[in-house]
Amino acid sequence: MRLRDYLRDHVLIFTVYAAALLIIEIFLKAFRTDRQAMGVVAVIFILMAFIVHAYDFRRKKRFYDILFTALKDLDKKYLIPELLEEAQFLDGKILTDALRDCGKSMTENVTDEKRKMRNFREYIELWVHEIKIPVSALSFMCHNNKEIDPKMKTQLKRVDEYIDNVLYYARSENAEKDYIIKETPLNRAFASVAGKNREELQMINATINASDLDVNVMTDGKWLEFIIGQLMDNSIKYRIEEKALEISVSAKKEDDKIKFIYEDNGSGISKEDLPRIFEKSFTGSNGRGTAKSTGMGLYIVKNLCDRLGHKIQAESEKDKFTRFTITFIDNDYYCR
């Protein structure tokens, strides 16, 4: 709070003071009061007004300086009412009470929304659990029936994967409650994902080249398989029909880091789309060309990598390749 702002705000009051002093002086002169007495009255009047407003400015300045300093330093600005001292003037008390009422109302609304979100997430998890039963039964029947078209098996597998995506997305916002960080063999995680996609990879004559994966990384095995699975799903989804899909994976150790490199020779990503591929619901030019794209897969992958303490980067050239690099830090769990 600056002095000039305070003076500007009180211009009307100071004008009234000046008018009152002028009227008093006119009355004193009308009663033939001594000039010295009139001067003393004027000095006393001005001095009293100065003391009153100096005190008023000082206490208001202290209150508002604390308010704006706290606002500047606070990350969660809605906590400001808890940091304010009790104001010594009426305007400040009204403001503090209003802020506290607003904060209380906001907290109640946020709590209510969190409860609704928690209930919805619990419902989704229950739904996924229930829908998994008939899907698993259908998968078992397809596996035992050799006459069923392999394409039907592939589509059923995709349904199962999309159901898993719903569950992983519902849990990804609170992944820290559902992961166990430990040494995880990278080759085992990749082999598990490749095994789950074996039939579809064989149908499209895909080739996988893996090298130097015999390393352990600090991560959660289940979430890592989901991340790799999303990358492989994108490779299959955005392959170029005219040429055989090739997927190359490798690992490279650098100081206290291990880099997992995943590359395919698919349709690639345009330069314009590349910076935005991890954004929620962003499908890009590739996604707009297929109804199968939701723009959620890479968003979930980036979200999980951030929460697990990993770093993911993407490089690509249109119609040539797409390369993802996931960086793991040794003892990642303890370094966070």
Protein backbone atom coordinates (compact mmCIF):
# COMPACT_ATOMS: atom_id res chain seq x y z
CA MET A 1 0.00 0.00 0.00
CA ARG A 2 1.53 3.28 -1.14
CA LEU A 3 1.05 6.72 0.48
CA ARG A 4 -0.02 8.38 -2.77
CA ASP A 5 -2.73 5.74 -3.28
CA TYR A 6 -3.97 6.36 0.25
CA LEU A 7 -4.00 10.15 -0.29
CA ARG A 8 -5.78 9.77 -3.63
CA ASP A 9 -8.42 7.57 -2.01
CA HIS A 10 -9.03 10.19 0.73
CA VAL A 11 -9.18 13.29 -1.48
CA LEU A 12 -12.88 13.82 -0.73
CA ILE A 13 -12.29 13.59 3.04
CA PHE A 14 -9.40 16.06 2.86
CA THR A 15 -11.61 18.40 0.81
CA VAL A 16 -14.29 18.22 3.52
CA TYR A 17 -11.63 18.92 6.14
CA ALA A 18 -10.49 22.01 4.23
CA ALA A 19 -14.08 23.25 3.85
CA ALA A 20 -14.76 22.66 7.57
CA LEU A 21 -11.60 24.55 8.55
CA LEU A 22 -12.57 27.43 6.27
CA ILE A 23 -16.05 27.64 7.82
CA ILE A 24 -14.57 27.58 11.35
CA GLU A 25 -12.16 30.37 10.46
CA ILE A 26 -15.01 32.47 8.99
CA PHE A 27 -17.06 32.03 12.18
CA LEU A 28 -14.08 32.94 14.37
CA LYS A 29 -13.45 36.04 12.29
CA ALA A 30 -17.14 36.96 12.49
CA PHE A 31 -16.86 36.90 16.29
CA ARG A 32 -13.73 39.08 16.07
CA THR A 33 -11.42 36.37 17.36
CA ASP A 34 -7.74 37.25 17.60
CA ARG A 35 -5.70 36.26 14.56
CA GLN A 36 -3.23 34.30 16.66
CA ALA A 37 -6.08 32.33 18.23
CA MET A 38 -7.45 31.61 14.78
CA GLY A 39 -4.01 30.38 13.69
CA VAL A 40 -3.73 28.12 16.75
CA VAL A 41 -7.15 26.60 16.00
CA ALA A 42 -6.10 25.96 12.39
CA VAL A 43 -2.81 24.35 13.44
CA ILE A 44 -4.54 22.14 16.04
CA PHE A 45 -7.20 21.11 13.49
CA ILE A 46 -4.59 20.20 10.84
CA LEU A 47 -2.35 18.44 13.39
CA MET A 48 -5.24 16.29 14.71
CA ALA A 49 -6.28 15.36 11.17
CA PHE A 50 -2.66 14.47 10.34
CA ILE A 51 -2.28 12.26 13.45
CA VAL A 52 -5.56 10.44 12.79
CA HIS A 53 -4.72 9.68 9.17
CA ALA A 54 -1.08 8.86 9.86
CA TYR A 55 -2.25 6.24 12.38
CA ASP A 56 -4.93 4.98 9.99
CA PHE A 57 -2.44 4.74 7.11
CA ARG A 58 0.14 2.93 9.25
CA ARG A 59 -2.19 0.15 10.45
CA LYS A 60 -3.77 -0.34 7.02
CA LYS A 61 -0.40 -0.37 5.30
CA ARG A 62 0.88 -3.07 7.68
CA PHE A 63 -2.21 -5.23 7.10
CA TYR A 64 -2.17 -4.95 3.31
CA ASP A 65 1.61 -5.37 3.07
CA ILE A 66 1.31 -8.66 4.95
CA LEU A 67 -1.60 -9.67 2.71
CA PHE A 68 0.17 -9.03 -0.61
CA THR A 69 3.53 -10.39 0.55
CA ALA A 70 1.84 -13.62 1.60
CA LEU A 71 -0.06 -13.78 -1.69
CA LYS A 72 3.18 -13.40 -3.61
CA ASP A 73 4.98 -16.13 -1.68
CA LEU A 74 2.14 -18.64 -1.39
CA ASP A 75 1.74 -21.41 -3.96
CA LYS A 76 -1.74 -22.23 -2.71
CA LYS A 77 -3.18 -18.74 -2.49
CA TYR A 78 -6.51 -19.92 -1.13
CA LEU A 79 -4.72 -20.43 2.23
CA ILE A 80 -4.20 -16.67 2.63
CA PRO A 81 -6.96 -16.19 5.27
CA GLU A 82 -5.08 -18.55 7.60
CA LEU A 83 -1.96 -16.34 7.48
CA LEU A 84 -3.64 -12.99 8.12
CA GLU A 85 -3.52 -11.42 11.56
CA GLU A 86 -6.69 -10.00 13.05
CA ALA A 87 -7.22 -6.59 11.43
CA GLN A 88 -7.36 -3.52 13.70
CA PHE A 89 -9.81 -1.63 11.50
CA LEU A 90 -13.32 -2.38 10.29
CA ASP A 91 -12.58 -2.69 6.56
CA GLY A 92 -9.83 -5.20 7.25
CA LYS A 93 -12.07 -7.28 9.53
CA ILE A 94 -14.80 -7.36 6.88
CA LEU A 95 -12.27 -8.39 4.21
CA THR A 96 -10.76 -11.10 6.43
CA ASP A 97 -14.18 -12.52 7.28
CA ALA A 98 -15.17 -12.51 3.61
CA LEU A 99 -11.95 -14.29 2.60
CA ARG A 100 -12.44 -16.92 5.29
CA ASP A 101 -16.03 -17.52 4.22
CA CYS A 102 -14.92 -17.86 0.59
CA GLY A 103 -12.14 -20.23 1.60
CA LYS A 104 -14.52 -22.34 3.64
CA SER A 105 -17.00 -22.51 0.76
CA MET A 106 -14.25 -23.43 -1.70
CA THR A 107 -12.93 -26.17 0.61
CA GLU A 108 -16.42 -27.64 0.96
CA ASN A 109 -16.91 -27.60 -2.84
CA VAL A 110 -13.50 -29.15 -3.49
CA THR A 111 -14.17 -31.84 -0.88
CA ASP A 112 -17.52 -32.60 -2.49
CA GLU A 113 -15.97 -32.83 -5.97
CA LYS A 114 -13.20 -35.09 -4.66
CA ARG A 115 -15.81 -37.35 -3.11
CA LYS A 116 -17.69 -37.52 -6.43
CA MET A 117 -14.48 -38.29 -8.32
CA ARG A 118 -13.54 -40.98 -5.81
CA ASN A 119 -16.97 -42.57 -6.10
CA PHE A 120 -16.80 -42.47 -9.90
CA ARG A 121 -13.31 -43.98 -9.92
CA GLU A 122 -14.45 -46.77 -7.58
CA TYR A 123 -17.40 -47.42 -9.89
CA ILE A 124 -15.09 -47.57 -12.94
CA GLU A 125 -12.78 -50.01 -11.17
CA LEU A 126 -15.76 -52.16 -10.20
CA TRP A 127 -17.12 -52.01 -13.78
CA VAL A 128 -13.74 -53.03 -15.20
CA HIS A 129 -13.60 -55.95 -12.77
CA GLU A 130 -17.08 -57.12 -13.79
CA ILE A 131 -16.61 -56.66 -17.55
CA LYS A 132 -13.30 -58.52 -17.42
CA ILE A 133 -15.11 -61.74 -16.50
CA PRO A 134 -17.13 -62.16 -19.75
CA VAL A 135 -14.21 -60.85 -21.83
CA SER A 136 -11.89 -63.44 -20.26
CA ALA A 137 -14.49 -66.14 -20.89
CA LEU A 138 -14.74 -65.12 -24.57
CA SER A 139 -10.95 -65.12 -24.88
CA PHE A 140 -10.80 -68.62 -23.41
CA MET A 141 -13.46 -69.87 -25.84
CA CYS A 142 -11.66 -68.28 -28.80
CA HIS A 143 -8.39 -69.87 -27.72
CA ASN A 144 -9.98 -73.33 -27.59
CA ASN A 145 -11.88 -72.95 -30.86
CA LYS A 146 -9.46 -73.21 -33.78
CA GLU A 147 -12.18 -72.37 -36.32
CA ILE A 148 -12.60 -68.79 -35.11
CA ASP A 149 -11.08 -66.17 -37.39
CA PRO A 150 -7.78 -64.87 -35.90
CA LYS A 151 -8.96 -61.34 -36.67
CA MET A 152 -11.83 -61.82 -34.21
CA LYS A 153 -9.32 -62.89 -31.57
CA THR A 154 -7.29 -59.77 -32.30
CA GLN A 155 -10.30 -57.51 -31.94
CA LEU A 156 -11.28 -59.22 -28.68
CA LYS A 157 -7.75 -58.68 -27.43
CA ARG A 158 -8.08 -54.99 -28.32
CA VAL A 159 -11.31 -54.77 -26.32
CA ASP A 160 -9.45 -56.27 -23.37
CA GLU A 161 -6.62 -53.74 -23.80
CA TYR A 162 -9.02 -50.79 -23.98
CA ILE A 163 -10.68 -51.99 -20.79
CA ASP A 164 -7.25 -52.08 -19.17
CA ASN A 165 -6.63 -48.53 -20.43
CA VAL A 166 -9.77 -47.35 -18.63
CA LEU A 167 -8.54 -48.92 -15.40
CA TYR A 168 -5.01 -47.57 -15.75
CA TYR A 169 -6.29 -44.08 -16.54
CA ALA A 170 -8.61 -44.14 -13.53
CA ARG A 171 -5.67 -45.09 -11.33
CA SER A 172 -2.96 -43.00 -13.00
CA GLU A 173 -3.88 -39.84 -11.06
CA ASN A 174 -3.08 -41.74 -7.85
CA ALA A 175 -0.44 -44.09 -9.19
CA GLU A 176 1.78 -43.49 -6.16
CA LYS A 177 -0.70 -45.54 -4.11
CA ASP A 178 -0.48 -48.47 -6.51
CA TYR A 179 3.17 -48.94 -7.36
CA ILE A 180 6.09 -50.80 -5.87
CA ILE A 181 9.49 -49.49 -6.92
CA LYS A 182 12.11 -52.22 -7.16
CA GLU A 183 14.71 -53.59 -9.54
CA THR A 184 12.84 -54.76 -12.61
CA PRO A 185 14.46 -56.74 -15.47
CA LEU A 186 13.91 -54.69 -18.62
CA ASN A 187 14.08 -57.72 -20.90
CA ARG A 188 11.40 -59.53 -18.91
CA ALA A 189 9.04 -56.54 -19.05
CA PHE A 190 9.48 -56.15 -22.79
CA ALA A 191 9.15 -59.90 -23.40
CA SER A 192 5.86 -59.90 -21.47
CA VAL A 193 4.45 -57.10 -23.63
CA ALA A 194 5.67 -58.74 -26.85
CA GLY A 195 4.10 -62.03 -25.76
CA LYS A 196 0.73 -60.39 -25.18
CA ASN A 197 0.86 -58.90 -28.68
CA ARG A 198 2.37 -61.97 -30.37
CA GLU A 199 -0.63 -62.99 -32.46
CA GLU A 200 -1.27 -59.49 -33.79
CA LEU A 201 2.42 -58.97 -34.57
CA GLN A 202 2.50 -62.26 -36.45
CA MET A 203 -0.61 -61.33 -38.45
CA ILE A 204 1.05 -58.20 -39.80
CA ASN A 205 4.47 -59.91 -40.22
CA ALA A 206 6.14 -57.54 -37.80
CA THR A 207 9.81 -57.93 -36.86
CA ILE A 208 11.24 -57.16 -33.42
CA ASN A 209 14.94 -56.46 -32.91
CA ALA A 210 16.01 -56.37 -29.26
CA SER A 211 19.53 -55.77 -27.95
CA ASP A 212 21.24 -54.99 -24.64
CA LEU A 213 18.02 -55.36 -22.61
CA ASP A 214 19.70 -57.52 -19.99
CA VAL A 215 19.65 -54.73 -17.39
CA ASN A 216 17.60 -53.93 -14.30
CA VAL A 217 15.83 -50.59 -13.85
CA MET A 218 14.27 -49.06 -10.75
CA THR A 219 10.56 -48.91 -11.52
CA ASP A 220 7.24 -50.64 -11.03
CA GLY A 221 7.03 -53.67 -13.33
CA LYS A 222 3.28 -53.52 -13.90
CA TRP A 223 3.26 -49.84 -14.86
CA LEU A 224 6.37 -50.29 -17.03
CA GLU A 225 4.63 -53.03 -19.00
CA PHE A 226 1.67 -50.73 -19.49
CA ILE A 227 3.96 -47.96 -20.80
CA ILE A 228 5.75 -50.27 -23.25
CA GLY A 229 2.39 -51.76 -24.24
CA GLN A 230 1.09 -48.32 -25.21
CA LEU A 231 4.16 -47.69 -27.36
CA MET A 232 3.77 -51.04 -29.10
CA ASP A 233 0.05 -50.48 -29.59
CA ASN A 234 0.84 -47.19 -31.34
CA SER A 235 3.41 -48.95 -33.53
CA ILE A 236 0.77 -51.43 -34.67
CA LYS A 237 -1.93 -48.79 -35.03
CA TYR A 238 0.14 -46.31 -37.04
CA ARG A 239 2.18 -48.68 -39.19
CA ILE A 240 2.52 -48.15 -42.94
CA GLU A 241 0.48 -50.82 -44.70
CA GLU A 242 2.83 -51.04 -47.69
CA LYS A 243 5.87 -52.15 -45.67
CA ALA A 244 6.49 -54.63 -42.87
CA LEU A 245 6.55 -53.18 -39.38
CA GLU A 246 9.95 -53.25 -37.68
CA ILE A 247 10.33 -52.51 -33.97
CA SER A 248 13.80 -52.01 -32.50
CA VAL A 249 14.46 -51.80 -28.76
CA SER A 250 17.69 -51.38 -26.86
CA ALA A 251 19.08 -50.14 -23.55
CA LYS A 252 22.08 -47.94 -22.89
CA LYS A 253 23.72 -47.14 -19.57
CA GLU A 254 25.04 -43.61 -19.00
CA ASP A 255 26.59 -42.80 -15.61
CA ASP A 256 23.75 -43.28 -13.10
CA LYS A 257 21.09 -43.49 -15.82
CA ILE A 258 19.73 -46.22 -18.03
CA LYS A 259 18.04 -45.27 -21.28
CA PHE A 260 15.45 -47.53 -22.89
CA ILE A 261 15.11 -46.76 -26.60
CA TYR A 262 12.01 -47.86 -28.51
CA GLU A 263 11.84 -47.25 -32.26
CA ASP A 264 9.56 -48.28 -35.13
CA ASN A 265 9.45 -47.61 -38.85
CA GLY A 266 5.81 -46.53 -38.90
CA SER A 267 4.09 -43.45 -40.26
CA GLY A 268 6.00 -41.12 -37.94
CA ILE A 269 4.87 -37.82 -36.45
CA SER A 270 4.92 -34.45 -38.19
CA LYS A 271 7.11 -31.64 -36.83
CA GLU A 272 4.00 -29.62 -36.03
CA ASP A 273 2.45 -32.41 -33.94
CA LEU A 274 5.58 -33.67 -32.17
CA PRO A 275 5.68 -31.07 -29.35
CA ARG A 276 2.05 -31.84 -28.44
CA ILE A 277 1.85 -35.64 -28.53
CA PHE A 278 1.84 -35.93 -24.73
CA GLU A 279 -1.08 -33.53 -24.34
CA LYS A 280 -4.40 -34.91 -23.17
CA SER A 281 -6.77 -35.90 -26.03
CA PHE A 282 -4.37 -34.64 -28.72
CA THR A 283 -4.65 -36.92 -31.78
CA GLY A 284 -2.71 -34.95 -34.39
CA SER A 285 -2.79 -35.53 -38.14
CA ASN A 286 -2.24 -39.28 -37.73
CA GLY A 287 -5.05 -39.62 -35.21
CA ARG A 288 -7.52 -37.71 -37.32
CA GLY A 289 -7.01 -40.26 -40.05
CA THR A 290 -8.23 -43.15 -37.91
CA ALA A 291 -11.24 -43.61 -35.66
CA LYS A 292 -9.12 -45.75 -33.33
CA SER A 293 -7.20 -42.79 -31.92
CA THR A 294 -8.31 -41.21 -28.62
CA GLY A 295 -5.24 -39.11 -27.82
CA MET A 296 -5.10 -40.59 -24.30
CA GLY A 297 -2.40 -43.28 -24.59
CA LEU A 298 0.71 -41.09 -24.68
CA TYR A 299 -0.86 -38.66 -22.21
CA ILE A 300 -1.18 -41.51 -19.68
CA VAL A 301 2.36 -42.68 -20.51
CA LYS A 302 3.82 -39.20 -19.84
CA ASN A 303 1.78 -38.85 -16.67
CA LEU A 304 3.00 -42.22 -15.37
CA CYS A 305 6.63 -41.48 -16.26
CA ASP A 306 6.46 -38.20 -14.36
CA ARG A 307 4.94 -39.86 -11.30
CA LEU A 308 7.45 -42.71 -11.38
CA GLY A 309 10.32 -40.26 -11.71
CA HIS A 310 11.25 -41.28 -15.27
CA LYS A 311 11.83 -39.02 -18.24
CA ILE A 312 10.36 -39.72 -21.68
CA GLN A 313 11.36 -38.02 -24.93
CA ALA A 314 10.15 -38.47 -28.50
CA GLU A 315 11.86 -38.04 -31.86
CA SER A 316 10.27 -38.67 -35.22
CA GLU A 317 10.43 -38.08 -38.95
CA LYS A 318 7.28 -38.33 -41.02
CA ASP A 319 6.90 -41.66 -42.88
CA LYS A 320 10.31 -42.85 -41.62
CA PHE A 321 10.53 -43.54 -37.89
CA THR A 322 9.36 -42.73 -34.38
CA ARG A 323 11.73 -43.10 -31.44
CA PHE A 324 10.86 -42.90 -27.74
CA THR A 325 13.58 -42.72 -25.08
CA ILE A 326 12.70 -43.46 -21.46
CA THR A 327 15.38 -42.53 -18.93
CA PHE A 328 15.56 -44.39 -15.63
CA ILE A 329 17.71 -43.19 -12.73
CA ASP A 330 19.42 -45.75 -10.52
CA ASN A 331 17.72 -45.91 -7.11
CA ASP A 332 15.06 -43.65 -8.61
CA TYR A 333 12.65 -44.18 -5.76
CA TYR A 334 15.06 -42.84 -3.17
CA CYS A 335 16.27 -39.91 -5.27
CA ARG A 336 12.87 -38.34 -5.65
